[in-house]
């Protein structure tokens, strides 16, 4: 049967270990591997089995002996052929930590092997050992690579430093309350001053540039006049990173990856890390307003940030 499986011309990667179901009341877990779905000419929808593309160190998958190139034939009794990623996620690849998942796995040209794996909690994303600051982000969030200023999509924002981006688990799911929710950390050299006006100008520049980039990548033409931002000084934590904080709240209207115009609630806190000679700026962004559950996670990351190790 394996001889009839060929790659899609463009393989769709399903990063199931990074995109769990939204389960606010329970800790999400991962089996510790990601997969690509193979093409099958025997299925009307052309969906074949899943092939393992990556295995996390010290994960349940590694401990069970699953390796890159192994084939997942079924998940909790559901055949992977003819089923898409969301269906297989519901079948058991995604879920809460501590639950067991039954897999039927083929290694090489051997016979299918039954395996039972238990999802482990995600390891958190933490700041780099070389960073002068420290933070921790839930491991089921997706992290972009670190972007140095000038930012590729908005080079006219005139700061020195870098940006870290983290996306909520439901970021790409338009039906999720976490859709397009994320956090941004700017670590800027020196002590630039932030006001409501300067934040508005920066965010309009930022998201107009991002709209143009998304338009090029996803074949739509944004109307940049629809990108908008409004901020005001607001109440918030008195300290951020161990230093006196300044807080802002507002709304940002932008283009999502599908060419739709959406509006996000935005909260910003900044301080000065004097010992490092730098200014951290933390943005919390969500379509859902407080007291939506996601804000507890955003607040936890913000409140855990420290200017020093």
Protein backbone atom coordinates (compact mmCIF):
# COMPACT_ATOMS: atom_id res chain seq x y z
CA UNK A 1 0.00 0.00 0.00
CA UNK A 2 2.86 2.38 0.78
CA UNK A 3 4.00 2.31 -2.85
CA UNK A 4 0.76 4.07 -3.82
CA UNK A 5 1.37 7.02 -1.50
CA UNK A 6 3.08 10.04 -3.02
CA UNK A 7 3.67 13.55 -1.75
CA UNK A 8 1.31 16.38 -2.53
CA UNK A 9 3.05 18.89 -4.78
CA UNK A 10 2.91 21.23 -1.84
CA UNK A 11 2.80 19.24 1.38
CA UNK A 12 0.50 20.78 3.97
CA UNK A 13 2.22 20.57 7.33
CA UNK A 14 -0.10 20.00 10.30
CA UNK A 15 1.70 21.23 13.36
CA UNK A 16 -0.60 19.35 15.70
CA UNK A 17 1.79 19.58 18.63
CA UNK A 18 1.63 23.38 18.42
CA UNK A 19 -2.10 23.83 17.81
CA UNK A 20 -4.16 22.09 20.49
CA UNK A 21 -7.86 22.42 21.01
CA UNK A 22 -8.96 25.40 23.08
CA UNK A 23 -9.43 23.86 26.52
CA UNK A 24 -9.32 26.72 29.03
CA UNK A 25 -10.37 24.58 32.01
CA UNK A 26 -7.71 21.89 31.50
CA UNK A 27 -4.02 21.96 30.73
CA UNK A 28 -3.40 21.17 27.05
CA UNK A 29 -0.96 18.42 26.22
CA UNK A 30 1.12 17.14 23.32
CA UNK A 31 2.35 13.78 22.06
CA UNK A 32 5.45 15.58 20.82
CA UNK A 33 5.43 15.06 17.06
CA UNK A 34 4.26 16.82 13.91
CA UNK A 35 3.06 15.18 10.70
CA UNK A 36 2.42 15.67 7.00
CA UNK A 37 -0.48 14.00 5.25
CA UNK A 38 0.40 11.83 2.25
CA UNK A 39 -1.51 11.70 -1.02
CA UNK A 40 -3.61 8.62 -1.74
CA UNK A 41 -5.09 7.99 -5.18
CA UNK A 42 -7.40 5.41 -3.59
CA UNK A 43 -9.31 8.01 -1.56
CA UNK A 44 -11.95 10.30 -3.13
CA UNK A 45 -10.51 13.26 -1.19
CA UNK A 46 -6.92 12.11 -1.96
CA UNK A 47 -5.99 12.17 1.72
CA UNK A 48 -3.63 9.41 2.77
CA UNK A 49 -1.99 8.41 6.01
CA UNK A 50 0.14 10.68 8.20
CA UNK A 51 3.92 10.60 8.08
CA UNK A 52 5.94 11.83 11.06
CA UNK A 53 8.05 14.86 10.13
CA UNK A 54 9.50 15.90 13.48
CA UNK A 55 9.77 14.46 17.01
CA UNK A 56 10.42 16.56 20.11
CA UNK A 57 13.18 15.60 22.51
CA UNK A 58 11.99 13.94 25.74
CA UNK A 59 8.43 13.74 24.39
CA UNK A 60 6.03 10.84 24.69
CA UNK A 61 6.60 10.09 21.01
CA UNK A 62 10.38 9.86 21.42
CA UNK A 63 10.03 7.69 24.52
CA UNK A 64 7.74 5.32 22.59
CA UNK A 65 10.31 5.01 19.79
CA UNK A 66 8.42 6.97 17.14
CA UNK A 67 10.82 8.46 14.59
CA UNK A 68 10.85 10.71 11.54
CA UNK A 69 9.41 8.84 8.54
CA UNK A 70 7.14 6.56 10.59
CA UNK A 71 3.56 6.31 9.36
CA UNK A 72 0.52 6.84 11.60
CA UNK A 73 -2.22 4.52 10.31
CA UNK A 74 -4.90 5.21 12.92
CA UNK A 75 -5.62 7.38 15.97
CA UNK A 76 -7.87 5.93 18.67
CA UNK A 77 -9.30 3.57 16.09
CA UNK A 78 -9.93 6.24 13.44
CA UNK A 79 -8.09 5.55 10.18
CA UNK A 80 -5.91 8.47 9.11
CA UNK A 81 -6.63 7.81 5.43
CA UNK A 82 -9.50 9.95 4.12
CA UNK A 83 -9.57 12.14 7.25
CA UNK A 84 -8.27 15.70 7.51
CA UNK A 85 -6.23 17.23 10.31
CA UNK A 86 -9.15 18.67 12.27
CA UNK A 87 -10.93 15.31 12.31
CA UNK A 88 -7.76 13.55 13.44
CA UNK A 89 -7.22 16.20 16.07
CA UNK A 90 -10.67 15.52 17.46
CA UNK A 91 -9.92 11.80 17.26
CA UNK A 92 -7.14 12.25 19.80
CA UNK A 93 -3.99 13.84 18.41
CA UNK A 94 -4.93 17.02 20.25
CA UNK A 95 -6.28 17.21 23.77
CA UNK A 96 -5.43 17.62 27.42
CA UNK A 97 -2.33 16.51 29.28
CA UNK A 98 -2.53 13.13 31.01
CA UNK A 99 -4.88 11.48 28.52
CA UNK A 100 -3.80 8.35 26.65
CA UNK A 101 -3.91 8.05 22.87
CA UNK A 102 -3.93 4.76 20.93
CA UNK A 103 -1.88 4.80 17.72
CA UNK A 104 -1.28 2.25 14.99
CA UNK A 105 2.22 2.93 13.64
CA UNK A 106 4.21 1.49 10.73
CA UNK A 107 7.99 1.74 10.90
CA UNK A 108 9.72 1.25 7.55
CA UNK A 109 8.16 -1.72 5.76
CA UNK A 110 7.26 -3.55 8.96
CA UNK A 111 3.88 -4.60 10.24
CA UNK A 112 1.63 -2.07 12.04
CA UNK A 113 2.46 -1.75 15.74
CA UNK A 114 -0.02 -0.75 18.42
CA UNK A 115 1.23 2.01 20.73
CA UNK A 116 -0.35 3.88 23.64
CA UNK A 117 1.06 7.34 24.33
CA UNK A 118 0.16 9.81 27.07
CA UNK A 119 0.07 13.51 26.31
CA UNK A 120 2.51 15.58 28.33
CA UNK A 121 2.12 19.27 29.21
CA UNK A 122 3.83 21.61 26.79
CA UNK A 123 7.24 22.88 27.85
CA UNK A 124 7.04 26.69 28.12
CA UNK A 125 8.84 29.04 25.76
CA UNK A 126 11.40 30.98 27.78
CA UNK A 127 13.66 33.86 26.83
CA UNK A 128 17.12 33.05 25.55
CA UNK A 129 20.03 32.43 27.90
CA UNK A 130 21.79 35.44 26.35
CA UNK A 131 18.87 37.82 27.00
CA UNK A 132 19.23 40.40 29.75
CA UNK A 133 15.57 39.88 30.68
CA UNK A 134 13.40 36.85 31.44
CA UNK A 135 9.89 35.75 30.47
CA UNK A 136 7.94 32.53 30.05
CA UNK A 137 5.16 31.90 27.49
CA UNK A 138 2.85 28.83 27.51
CA UNK A 139 4.32 26.08 25.36
CA UNK A 140 1.11 25.56 23.39
CA UNK A 141 1.48 29.06 21.96
CA UNK A 142 3.35 29.38 18.67
CA UNK A 143 6.46 31.56 18.54
CA UNK A 144 7.77 33.38 15.48
CA UNK A 145 11.51 33.82 15.00
CA UNK A 146 12.90 36.94 16.65
CA UNK A 147 12.78 39.99 14.36
CA UNK A 148 15.44 42.70 14.68
CA UNK A 149 14.53 46.34 14.01
CA UNK A 150 14.02 47.67 11.40
CA UNK A 151 11.13 45.24 11.04
CA UNK A 152 10.85 43.72 7.55
CA UNK A 153 7.21 44.78 7.04
CA UNK A 154 7.51 48.24 8.64
CA UNK A 155 11.13 49.45 8.30
CA UNK A 156 10.20 53.09 8.94
CA UNK A 157 9.54 52.43 12.66
CA UNK A 158 12.75 53.96 13.94
CA UNK A 159 13.90 51.91 16.93
CA UNK A 160 16.90 49.75 17.68
CA UNK A 161 16.32 46.38 19.28
CA UNK A 162 14.09 43.43 18.41
CA UNK A 163 10.57 42.00 18.53
CA UNK A 164 9.32 38.67 19.89
CA UNK A 165 5.90 37.42 18.69
CA UNK A 166 3.76 34.68 20.25
CA UNK A 167 0.39 33.48 18.92
CA UNK A 168 -2.48 32.00 20.92
CA UNK A 169 -3.38 28.36 20.14
CA UNK A 170 -6.54 29.42 18.29
CA UNK A 171 -4.85 32.19 16.30
CA UNK A 172 -5.64 30.70 12.88
CA UNK A 173 -9.09 29.32 13.74
CA UNK A 174 -11.69 31.89 12.66
CA UNK A 175 -14.35 30.26 14.87
CA UNK A 176 -12.17 30.36 18.01
CA UNK A 177 -12.47 33.13 20.62
CA UNK A 178 -8.65 33.19 20.41
CA UNK A 179 -8.68 34.02 16.70
CA UNK A 180 -5.90 36.47 15.87
CA UNK A 181 -4.95 36.85 19.53
CA UNK A 182 -1.28 37.27 20.30
CA UNK A 183 1.36 39.13 22.24
CA UNK A 184 4.28 41.27 21.13
CA UNK A 185 7.39 42.15 23.11
CA UNK A 186 9.62 44.97 21.93
CA UNK A 187 13.05 45.19 23.57
CA UNK A 188 14.37 48.60 22.57
CA UNK A 189 17.76 50.18 23.10
CA UNK A 190 17.76 53.38 25.13
CA UNK A 191 14.74 55.05 26.68
CA UNK A 192 12.31 56.11 23.94
CA UNK A 193 9.25 57.93 25.26
CA UNK A 194 5.81 56.48 24.53
CA UNK A 195 2.59 58.48 24.39
CA UNK A 196 -0.87 57.69 23.06
CA UNK A 197 -0.04 59.59 19.87
CA UNK A 198 3.28 57.83 19.31
CA UNK A 199 1.70 54.41 19.88
CA UNK A 200 -1.08 55.17 17.41
CA UNK A 201 1.39 56.27 14.73
CA UNK A 202 3.62 53.24 15.31
CA UNK A 203 0.74 50.78 15.19
CA UNK A 204 -0.76 52.28 12.04
CA UNK A 205 2.64 52.07 10.35
CA UNK A 206 3.15 48.54 11.70
CA UNK A 207 -0.19 47.12 10.55
CA UNK A 208 -0.27 48.95 7.22
CA UNK A 209 3.07 47.37 6.41
CA UNK A 210 1.80 44.00 7.62
CA UNK A 211 -1.38 44.40 5.52
CA UNK A 212 0.72 44.97 2.41
CA UNK A 213 2.86 41.93 3.20
CA UNK A 214 -0.20 39.75 3.82
CA UNK A 215 -1.79 41.04 0.63
CA UNK A 216 1.24 40.04 -1.40
CA UNK A 217 1.41 36.61 0.22
CA UNK A 218 -2.32 35.86 0.08
CA UNK A 219 -3.40 37.60 -3.13
CA UNK A 220 -5.53 40.46 -1.86
CA UNK A 221 -5.21 44.24 -2.09
CA UNK A 222 -5.70 46.00 1.25
CA UNK A 223 -7.26 49.44 1.55
CA UNK A 224 -4.68 50.96 3.89
CA UNK A 225 -7.07 53.72 4.94
CA UNK A 226 -8.98 51.05 6.88
CA UNK A 227 -5.99 50.34 9.14
CA UNK A 228 -6.44 52.39 12.31
CA UNK A 229 -5.32 52.61 15.93
CA UNK A 230 -6.50 54.55 18.95
CA UNK A 231 -4.91 54.54 22.42
CA UNK A 232 -5.33 56.29 25.73
CA UNK A 233 -3.35 56.18 28.96
CA UNK A 234 -5.06 53.71 31.27
CA UNK A 235 -4.95 51.98 34.61
CA UNK A 236 -2.82 48.86 34.78
CA UNK A 237 0.02 47.24 36.71
CA UNK A 238 2.11 49.75 38.62
CA UNK A 239 5.30 47.89 37.78
CA UNK A 240 6.50 46.00 34.71
CA UNK A 241 9.70 44.00 34.78
CA UNK A 242 10.48 45.34 38.23
CA UNK A 243 10.35 49.00 37.19
CA UNK A 244 7.64 51.68 37.24
CA UNK A 245 5.11 51.03 34.48
CA UNK A 246 3.18 53.19 32.05
CA UNK A 247 -0.05 51.71 30.66
CA UNK A 248 -2.17 52.26 27.56
CA UNK A 249 -5.38 50.70 26.24
CA UNK A 250 -7.06 50.99 22.88
CA UNK A 251 -8.25 49.39 19.66
CA UNK A 252 -6.42 48.43 16.48
CA UNK A 253 -8.15 47.76 13.15
CA UNK A 254 -6.12 45.64 10.73
CA UNK A 255 -6.21 43.03 7.97
CA UNK A 256 -6.02 39.37 8.88
CA UNK A 257 -4.32 36.77 6.68
CA UNK A 258 -7.53 36.18 4.71
CA UNK A 259 -8.00 39.79 3.69
CA UNK A 260 -10.74 40.49 6.25
CA UNK A 261 -10.71 43.69 8.30
CA UNK A 262 -10.88 42.93 12.03
CA UNK A 263 -10.57 45.01 15.20
CA UNK A 264 -8.55 43.94 18.23
CA UNK A 265 -8.50 45.12 21.80
CA UNK A 266 -4.97 46.20 22.63
CA UNK A 267 -3.27 46.80 25.97
CA UNK A 268 0.30 48.08 26.20
CA UNK A 269 2.63 48.38 29.17
CA UNK A 270 6.14 49.80 29.12
CA UNK A 271 8.90 50.61 31.59
CA UNK A 272 12.64 51.29 31.63
CA UNK A 273 15.11 48.54 32.51
CA UNK A 274 17.80 50.94 33.73
CA UNK A 275 20.54 48.38 34.35
CA UNK A 276 20.24 47.14 30.76
CA UNK A 277 19.79 50.60 29.27
CA UNK A 278 16.71 49.32 27.45
CA UNK A 279 12.96 49.77 27.25
CA UNK A 280 10.58 46.77 27.16
CA UNK A 281 7.15 47.29 25.56
CA UNK A 282 4.54 44.55 25.95
CA UNK A 283 1.46 44.40 23.68
CA UNK A 284 -1.56 42.19 24.47
CA UNK A 285 -3.90 41.80 21.47
CA UNK A 286 -7.26 39.99 21.21
CA UNK A 287 -10.60 40.24 19.46
CA UNK A 288 -12.19 39.30 22.81
CA UNK A 289 -12.42 41.98 25.47
CA UNK A 290 -11.89 41.38 29.17
CA UNK A 291 -12.85 39.24 31.06
CA UNK A 292 -12.38 36.61 28.31
CA UNK A 293 -10.29 33.66 29.51
CA UNK A 294 -7.34 34.44 27.23
CA UNK A 295 -6.57 37.62 29.16
CA UNK A 296 -5.52 35.55 32.16
CA UNK A 297 -2.76 34.01 30.04
CA UNK A 298 -1.74 37.36 28.57
CA UNK A 299 -1.62 38.89 32.05
CA UNK A 300 0.40 35.97 33.40
CA UNK A 301 3.09 36.43 30.75
CA UNK A 302 3.16 40.20 31.29
CA UNK A 303 3.30 39.91 35.08
CA UNK A 304 6.07 37.30 34.88
CA UNK A 305 8.38 39.48 32.80
CA UNK A 306 11.56 40.55 34.59
CA UNK A 307 14.19 43.06 33.55
CA UNK A 308 16.92 40.79 34.90
CA UNK A 309 17.48 37.04 35.14
